[in-house]
């Protein structure tokens, strides 16, 4: 009988702990999943085809994507940071180019619909878009 009471107490304690962890953000797991990021020009001014292609190529190479999208799996914050690190690398490369047009590059995390990166180049340098927090 004592053994049954001890087992019952342990089960109740485990159930209570599980409920508290589920309700508490401190115990919850990070958002793990597959995140799709869209890369595009939020705004352009007097765009030049070769320039826009070179800018996109710099981002493709730095982030490691083809087309206009990249897909990463892992924790959301880690995936966002990996994309942002690549964007910083591409940004440094693009800032060395002599651009005659203006471009604002934007990256959106499609899982959250948030803009995680936006930066202006050329004629639109300094006209960064809004980053969603």
N, C-alpha and C. Protein backbone atom coordinates (compact mmCIF):
# COMPACT_ATOMS: atom_id res chain seq x y z
N UNK A 1 0.82 -1.20 0.00
CA UNK A 1 0.00 0.00 0.00
C UNK A 1 0.87 1.26 0.00
N UNK A 2 1.97 1.20 0.81
CA UNK A 2 2.89 2.33 0.84
C UNK A 2 3.51 2.56 -0.54
N UNK A 3 3.84 1.47 -1.19
CA UNK A 3 4.45 1.55 -2.53
C UNK A 3 3.47 2.19 -3.52
N UNK A 4 2.21 1.86 -3.44
CA UNK A 4 1.19 2.43 -4.31
C UNK A 4 1.03 3.93 -4.06
N UNK A 5 1.05 4.32 -2.78
CA UNK A 5 0.93 5.75 -2.45
C UNK A 5 2.14 6.53 -2.95
N UNK A 6 3.33 5.97 -2.82
CA UNK A 6 4.55 6.63 -3.31
C UNK A 6 4.51 6.75 -4.82
N UNK A 7 4.09 5.70 -5.51
CA UNK A 7 4.00 5.74 -6.97
C UNK A 7 2.98 6.77 -7.42
N UNK A 8 1.86 6.84 -6.73
CA UNK A 8 0.82 7.81 -7.06
C UNK A 8 1.31 9.24 -6.86
N UNK A 9 2.05 9.47 -5.78
CA UNK A 9 2.62 10.80 -5.53
C UNK A 9 3.61 11.19 -6.63
N UNK A 10 4.41 10.21 -7.05
CA UNK A 10 5.38 10.48 -8.12
C UNK A 10 4.67 10.81 -9.44
N UNK A 11 3.62 10.09 -9.75
CA UNK A 11 2.86 10.36 -10.97
C UNK A 11 2.21 11.73 -10.93
N UNK A 12 1.64 12.08 -9.78
CA UNK A 12 1.03 13.41 -9.64
C UNK A 12 2.07 14.51 -9.75
N UNK A 13 3.23 14.31 -9.14
CA UNK A 13 4.30 15.31 -9.22
C UNK A 13 4.77 15.48 -10.66
N UNK A 14 4.91 14.37 -11.37
CA UNK A 14 5.32 14.42 -12.77
C UNK A 14 4.28 15.14 -13.62
N UNK A 15 3.02 14.83 -13.39
CA UNK A 15 1.95 15.48 -14.14
C UNK A 15 1.93 16.98 -13.86
N UNK A 16 2.09 17.36 -12.61
CA UNK A 16 2.11 18.78 -12.26
C UNK A 16 3.29 19.49 -12.90
N UNK A 17 4.47 18.86 -12.87
CA UNK A 17 5.65 19.43 -13.49
C UNK A 17 5.45 19.63 -14.99
N UNK A 18 4.87 18.63 -15.64
CA UNK A 18 4.60 18.72 -17.09
C UNK A 18 3.65 19.86 -17.40
N UNK A 19 2.61 20.00 -16.61
CA UNK A 19 1.65 21.09 -16.83
C UNK A 19 2.32 22.44 -16.62
N UNK A 20 3.12 22.57 -15.58
CA UNK A 20 3.80 23.84 -15.32
C UNK A 20 4.79 24.19 -16.41
N UNK A 21 5.52 23.19 -16.89
CA UNK A 21 6.49 23.45 -17.96
C UNK A 21 5.81 23.82 -19.26
N UNK A 22 4.69 23.22 -19.54
CA UNK A 22 3.96 23.54 -20.75
C UNK A 22 3.42 24.96 -20.69
N UNK A 23 2.96 25.37 -19.52
CA UNK A 23 2.40 26.70 -19.36
C UNK A 23 3.47 27.78 -19.24
N UNK A 24 4.65 27.40 -18.82
CA UNK A 24 5.72 28.38 -18.59
C UNK A 24 6.62 28.49 -19.81
N UNK A 25 6.90 29.70 -20.24
CA UNK A 25 7.78 29.88 -21.40
C UNK A 25 9.21 29.52 -21.07
N UNK A 26 9.58 29.54 -19.79
CA UNK A 26 10.94 29.19 -19.38
C UNK A 26 11.26 27.74 -19.65
N UNK A 27 10.29 26.87 -19.65
CA UNK A 27 10.53 25.45 -19.87
C UNK A 27 10.27 25.03 -21.32
N UNK A 28 9.64 25.89 -22.09
CA UNK A 28 9.27 25.49 -23.44
C UNK A 28 10.49 25.41 -24.34
N UNK A 29 10.41 24.57 -25.36
CA UNK A 29 11.50 24.42 -26.31
C UNK A 29 11.52 25.58 -27.28
N UNK A 30 12.70 25.81 -27.86
CA UNK A 30 12.80 26.81 -28.92
C UNK A 30 11.95 26.36 -30.10
N UNK A 31 11.58 27.30 -30.95
CA UNK A 31 10.81 26.97 -32.14
C UNK A 31 11.74 26.29 -33.14
N UNK A 32 11.63 24.98 -33.26
CA UNK A 32 12.44 24.21 -34.19
C UNK A 32 11.58 23.88 -35.40
N UNK A 33 12.16 24.09 -36.56
CA UNK A 33 11.40 23.80 -37.76
C UNK A 33 12.19 24.13 -39.01
N UNK A 34 11.50 24.22 -40.11
CA UNK A 34 12.09 24.59 -41.39
C UNK A 34 11.61 26.01 -41.69
N UNK A 35 12.55 26.90 -41.95
CA UNK A 35 12.24 28.30 -42.17
C UNK A 35 12.63 28.69 -43.60
N UNK A 36 11.69 29.31 -44.27
CA UNK A 36 11.89 29.76 -45.64
C UNK A 36 12.06 31.27 -45.63
N UNK A 37 13.10 31.74 -46.28
CA UNK A 37 13.41 33.17 -46.34
C UNK A 37 13.31 33.65 -47.78
N UNK A 38 12.65 34.78 -47.97
CA UNK A 38 12.51 35.37 -49.29
C UNK A 38 13.43 36.58 -49.39
N UNK A 39 14.19 36.65 -50.46
CA UNK A 39 15.10 37.75 -50.74
C UNK A 39 14.54 38.53 -51.92
N UNK A 40 14.34 39.83 -51.76
CA UNK A 40 13.87 40.63 -52.89
C UNK A 40 14.23 42.10 -52.68
N UNK A 41 14.02 42.87 -53.73
CA UNK A 41 14.23 44.31 -53.62
C UNK A 41 12.93 44.94 -53.15
N UNK A 42 12.99 45.56 -52.00
CA UNK A 42 11.82 46.24 -51.46
C UNK A 42 11.54 47.50 -52.27
N UNK A 43 12.61 48.11 -52.77
CA UNK A 43 12.48 49.35 -53.53
C UNK A 43 13.69 49.49 -54.44
N UNK A 44 13.47 50.04 -55.62
CA UNK A 44 14.58 50.33 -56.54
C UNK A 44 14.38 51.73 -57.12
N UNK A 45 15.48 52.31 -57.52
CA UNK A 45 15.45 53.61 -58.19
C UNK A 45 16.47 53.57 -59.31
N UNK A 46 16.02 53.75 -60.54
CA UNK A 46 16.87 53.68 -61.72
C UNK A 46 17.68 52.38 -61.73
N UNK A 47 17.01 51.23 -61.61
CA UNK A 47 17.74 49.97 -61.54
C UNK A 47 18.46 49.63 -62.84
N UNK A 48 19.59 48.99 -62.72
CA UNK A 48 20.37 48.50 -63.84
C UNK A 48 20.42 46.98 -63.71
N UNK A 49 20.04 46.28 -64.79
CA UNK A 49 19.94 44.83 -64.72
C UNK A 49 21.20 44.14 -64.21
N UNK A 50 22.37 44.57 -64.71
CA UNK A 50 23.61 43.93 -64.28
C UNK A 50 23.88 44.18 -62.79
N UNK A 51 23.52 45.37 -62.31
CA UNK A 51 23.72 45.69 -60.89
C UNK A 51 22.81 44.86 -60.00
N UNK A 52 21.54 44.79 -60.36
CA UNK A 52 20.61 44.03 -59.53
C UNK A 52 20.99 42.55 -59.51
N UNK A 53 21.45 42.03 -60.65
CA UNK A 53 21.91 40.65 -60.71
C UNK A 53 23.14 40.46 -59.84
N UNK A 54 24.08 41.39 -59.86
CA UNK A 54 25.29 41.28 -59.05
C UNK A 54 24.97 41.34 -57.56
N UNK A 55 24.01 42.17 -57.18
CA UNK A 55 23.61 42.27 -55.77
C UNK A 55 22.97 40.95 -55.33
N UNK A 56 22.04 40.44 -56.12
CA UNK A 56 21.41 39.16 -55.79
C UNK A 56 22.43 38.03 -55.73
N UNK A 57 23.39 38.03 -56.65
CA UNK A 57 24.42 37.00 -56.65
C UNK A 57 25.26 37.06 -55.39
N UNK A 58 25.56 38.27 -54.91
CA UNK A 58 26.34 38.41 -53.67
C UNK A 58 25.57 37.81 -52.49
N UNK A 59 24.27 38.06 -52.43
CA UNK A 59 23.45 37.50 -51.35
C UNK A 59 23.29 35.99 -51.51
N UNK A 60 23.11 35.53 -52.73
CA UNK A 60 22.98 34.09 -52.97
C UNK A 60 24.23 33.35 -52.50
N UNK A 61 25.37 33.89 -52.86
CA UNK A 61 26.63 33.24 -52.51
C UNK A 61 26.86 33.29 -50.99
N UNK A 62 26.62 34.43 -50.37
CA UNK A 62 26.89 34.58 -48.94
C UNK A 62 25.94 33.75 -48.07
N UNK A 63 24.68 33.65 -48.47
CA UNK A 63 23.69 32.93 -47.67
C UNK A 63 23.56 31.48 -48.15
N UNK A 64 23.94 31.23 -49.39
CA UNK A 64 23.88 29.88 -49.92
C UNK A 64 22.49 29.48 -50.39
N UNK A 65 21.91 30.28 -51.26
CA UNK A 65 20.60 29.95 -51.80
C UNK A 65 20.60 30.14 -53.29
N UNK A 66 19.59 29.57 -53.94
CA UNK A 66 19.40 29.77 -55.37
C UNK A 66 18.04 30.43 -55.55
N UNK A 67 17.84 31.07 -56.62
CA UNK A 67 16.56 31.75 -56.86
C UNK A 67 16.40 32.93 -55.92
N UNK A 68 15.20 33.08 -55.38
CA UNK A 68 14.90 34.19 -54.49
C UNK A 68 14.54 33.72 -53.09
N UNK A 69 14.77 32.43 -52.80
CA UNK A 69 14.40 31.89 -51.50
C UNK A 69 15.52 31.01 -50.95
N UNK A 70 15.58 30.94 -49.62
CA UNK A 70 16.50 30.05 -48.93
C UNK A 70 15.71 29.30 -47.88
N UNK A 71 16.06 28.05 -47.66
CA UNK A 71 15.38 27.23 -46.67
C UNK A 71 16.41 26.70 -45.68
N UNK A 72 16.14 26.90 -44.40
CA UNK A 72 17.02 26.41 -43.34
C UNK A 72 16.20 25.66 -42.31
N UNK A 73 16.81 24.66 -41.67
CA UNK A 73 16.11 23.97 -40.60
C UNK A 73 16.90 24.12 -39.32
N UNK A 74 16.17 24.24 -38.22
CA UNK A 74 16.78 24.40 -36.91
C UNK A 74 15.92 25.28 -36.05
N UNK A 75 16.52 25.86 -35.02
CA UNK A 75 15.81 26.79 -34.16
C UNK A 75 15.67 28.12 -34.89
N UNK A 76 14.54 28.77 -34.71
CA UNK A 76 14.25 29.99 -35.46
C UNK A 76 15.34 31.05 -35.29
N UNK A 77 15.73 31.33 -34.05
CA UNK A 77 16.74 32.36 -33.82
C UNK A 77 18.07 32.02 -34.48
N UNK A 78 18.46 30.76 -34.43
CA UNK A 78 19.71 30.32 -35.05
C UNK A 78 19.64 30.45 -36.57
N UNK A 79 18.50 30.08 -37.16
CA UNK A 79 18.33 30.22 -38.61
C UNK A 79 18.36 31.70 -39.01
N UNK A 80 17.63 32.52 -38.28
CA UNK A 80 17.65 33.96 -38.57
C UNK A 80 19.07 34.50 -38.50
N UNK A 81 19.82 34.10 -37.46
CA UNK A 81 21.18 34.61 -37.30
C UNK A 81 22.08 34.16 -38.44
N UNK A 82 21.91 32.93 -38.90
CA UNK A 82 22.72 32.44 -40.02
C UNK A 82 22.45 33.28 -41.27
N UNK A 83 21.18 33.58 -41.52
CA UNK A 83 20.83 34.42 -42.66
C UNK A 83 21.40 35.83 -42.48
N UNK A 84 21.26 36.39 -41.29
CA UNK A 84 21.79 37.75 -41.03
C UNK A 84 23.30 37.81 -41.17
N UNK A 85 24.00 36.76 -40.75
CA UNK A 85 25.46 36.72 -40.92
C UNK A 85 25.82 36.73 -42.40
N UNK A 86 25.10 35.95 -43.19
CA UNK A 86 25.33 35.95 -44.63
C UNK A 86 25.01 37.30 -45.26
N UNK A 87 23.93 37.93 -44.77
CA UNK A 87 23.55 39.25 -45.29
C UNK A 87 24.63 40.29 -44.99
N UNK A 88 25.22 40.21 -43.80
CA UNK A 88 26.30 41.15 -43.44
C UNK A 88 27.50 40.97 -44.37
N UNK A 89 27.81 39.73 -44.70
CA UNK A 89 28.91 39.44 -45.61
C UNK A 89 28.60 39.99 -47.01
N UNK A 90 27.39 39.75 -47.49
CA UNK A 90 26.99 40.24 -48.81
C UNK A 90 26.93 41.76 -48.82
N UNK A 91 26.42 42.35 -47.75
CA UNK A 91 26.33 43.80 -47.66
C UNK A 91 27.71 44.45 -47.80
N UNK A 92 28.70 43.90 -47.12
CA UNK A 92 30.07 44.43 -47.22
C UNK A 92 30.58 44.34 -48.65
N UNK A 93 30.26 43.24 -49.32
CA UNK A 93 30.69 43.07 -50.71
C UNK A 93 29.98 44.06 -51.63
N UNK A 94 28.68 44.23 -51.47
CA UNK A 94 27.90 45.12 -52.34
C UNK A 94 28.31 46.59 -52.11
N UNK A 95 28.63 46.94 -50.88
CA UNK A 95 29.02 48.32 -50.60
C UNK A 95 30.31 48.72 -51.30
N UNK A 96 31.10 47.74 -51.76
CA UNK A 96 32.33 48.02 -52.51
C UNK A 96 32.06 48.25 -54.00
N UNK A 97 30.86 47.94 -54.46
CA UNK A 97 30.50 48.11 -55.87
C UNK A 97 30.19 49.57 -56.17
N UNK A 98 30.47 49.97 -57.38
CA UNK A 98 30.11 51.30 -57.86
C UNK A 98 28.74 51.19 -58.53
N UNK A 99 27.70 51.55 -57.80
CA UNK A 99 26.33 51.38 -58.30
C UNK A 99 25.79 52.69 -58.85
N UNK A 100 25.13 52.63 -59.99
CA UNK A 100 24.51 53.84 -60.55
C UNK A 100 23.02 53.89 -60.22
N UNK A 101 22.44 52.76 -59.84
CA UNK A 101 21.03 52.71 -59.45
C UNK A 101 20.90 52.66 -57.93
N UNK A 102 19.66 52.59 -57.47
CA UNK A 102 19.40 52.50 -56.04
C UNK A 102 18.58 51.25 -55.73
N UNK A 103 18.92 50.60 -54.63
CA UNK A 103 18.30 49.32 -54.30
C UNK A 103 18.14 49.21 -52.79
N UNK A 104 17.00 48.69 -52.35
CA UNK A 104 16.81 48.32 -50.95
C UNK A 104 16.52 46.82 -50.93
N UNK A 105 17.48 46.07 -50.41
CA UNK A 105 17.35 44.62 -50.32
C UNK A 105 16.61 44.27 -49.04
N UNK A 106 15.64 43.35 -49.14
CA UNK A 106 14.86 42.95 -47.97
C UNK A 106 14.84 41.42 -47.89
N UNK A 107 14.90 40.93 -46.64
CA UNK A 107 14.80 39.49 -46.39
C UNK A 107 13.66 39.28 -45.39
N UNK A 108 12.74 38.38 -45.77
CA UNK A 108 11.57 38.09 -44.94
C UNK A 108 11.61 36.63 -44.51
N UNK A 109 11.39 36.40 -43.21
CA UNK A 109 11.19 35.04 -42.69
C UNK A 109 9.73 34.72 -42.96
N UNK A 110 9.47 33.83 -43.89
CA UNK A 110 8.10 33.54 -44.30
C UNK A 110 7.29 32.80 -43.25
N UNK A 111 7.95 32.16 -42.30
CA UNK A 111 7.22 31.47 -41.23
C UNK A 111 6.58 32.47 -40.27
N UNK A 112 7.24 33.61 -40.08
CA UNK A 112 6.73 34.62 -39.15
C UNK A 112 6.22 35.86 -39.87
N UNK A 113 6.43 35.94 -41.17
CA UNK A 113 6.07 37.10 -41.99
C UNK A 113 6.75 38.37 -41.50
N UNK A 114 7.95 38.22 -40.94
CA UNK A 114 8.69 39.37 -40.43
C UNK A 114 9.89 39.66 -41.31
N UNK A 115 10.12 40.94 -41.55
CA UNK A 115 11.32 41.37 -42.24
C UNK A 115 12.45 41.31 -41.22
N UNK A 116 13.49 40.49 -41.51
CA UNK A 116 14.60 40.38 -40.58
C UNK A 116 15.81 41.19 -41.03
N UNK A 117 15.78 41.65 -42.30
CA UNK A 117 16.92 42.40 -42.83
C UNK A 117 16.42 43.34 -43.92
N UNK A 118 16.96 44.55 -43.92
CA UNK A 118 16.66 45.51 -44.98
C UNK A 118 17.82 46.51 -45.03
N UNK A 119 18.33 46.73 -46.24
CA UNK A 119 19.46 47.66 -46.37
C UNK A 119 19.44 48.31 -47.75
N UNK A 120 19.73 49.62 -47.77
CA UNK A 120 19.77 50.37 -49.02
C UNK A 120 21.17 50.50 -49.58
N UNK A 121 21.27 50.45 -50.91
CA UNK A 121 22.54 50.58 -51.61
C UNK A 121 22.43 51.62 -52.71
N UNK A 122 23.58 52.13 -53.15
CA UNK A 122 23.62 53.06 -54.27
C UNK A 122 22.83 54.33 -53.98
N UNK A 123 21.94 54.71 -54.90
CA UNK A 123 21.15 55.92 -54.73
C UNK A 123 20.24 55.87 -53.51
N UNK A 124 19.95 54.68 -53.02
CA UNK A 124 19.07 54.52 -51.85
C UNK A 124 19.85 54.13 -50.59
N UNK A 125 21.15 54.38 -50.60
CA UNK A 125 21.96 54.07 -49.41
C UNK A 125 21.45 54.88 -48.22
N UNK A 126 21.33 54.21 -47.11
CA UNK A 126 20.82 54.88 -45.91
C UNK A 126 19.31 54.84 -45.78
N UNK A 127 18.61 54.37 -46.81
CA UNK A 127 17.15 54.30 -46.77
C UNK A 127 16.71 52.87 -46.49
N UNK A 128 17.19 52.37 -45.36
CA UNK A 128 16.84 51.00 -44.98
C UNK A 128 15.37 50.91 -44.64
N UNK A 129 14.79 49.79 -44.90
CA UNK A 129 13.39 49.56 -44.58
C UNK A 129 13.22 49.25 -43.10
N UNK A 130 12.03 48.92 -42.72
CA UNK A 130 11.69 48.64 -41.32
C UNK A 130 11.96 47.17 -41.03
N UNK A 131 12.68 46.92 -39.92
CA UNK A 131 12.94 45.56 -39.47
C UNK A 131 11.89 45.23 -38.42
N UNK A 132 11.19 44.11 -38.58
CA UNK A 132 10.19 43.68 -37.61
C UNK A 132 10.89 42.99 -36.44
N UNK A 133 10.50 43.35 -35.25
CA UNK A 133 11.09 42.73 -34.04
C UNK A 133 10.23 41.62 -33.54
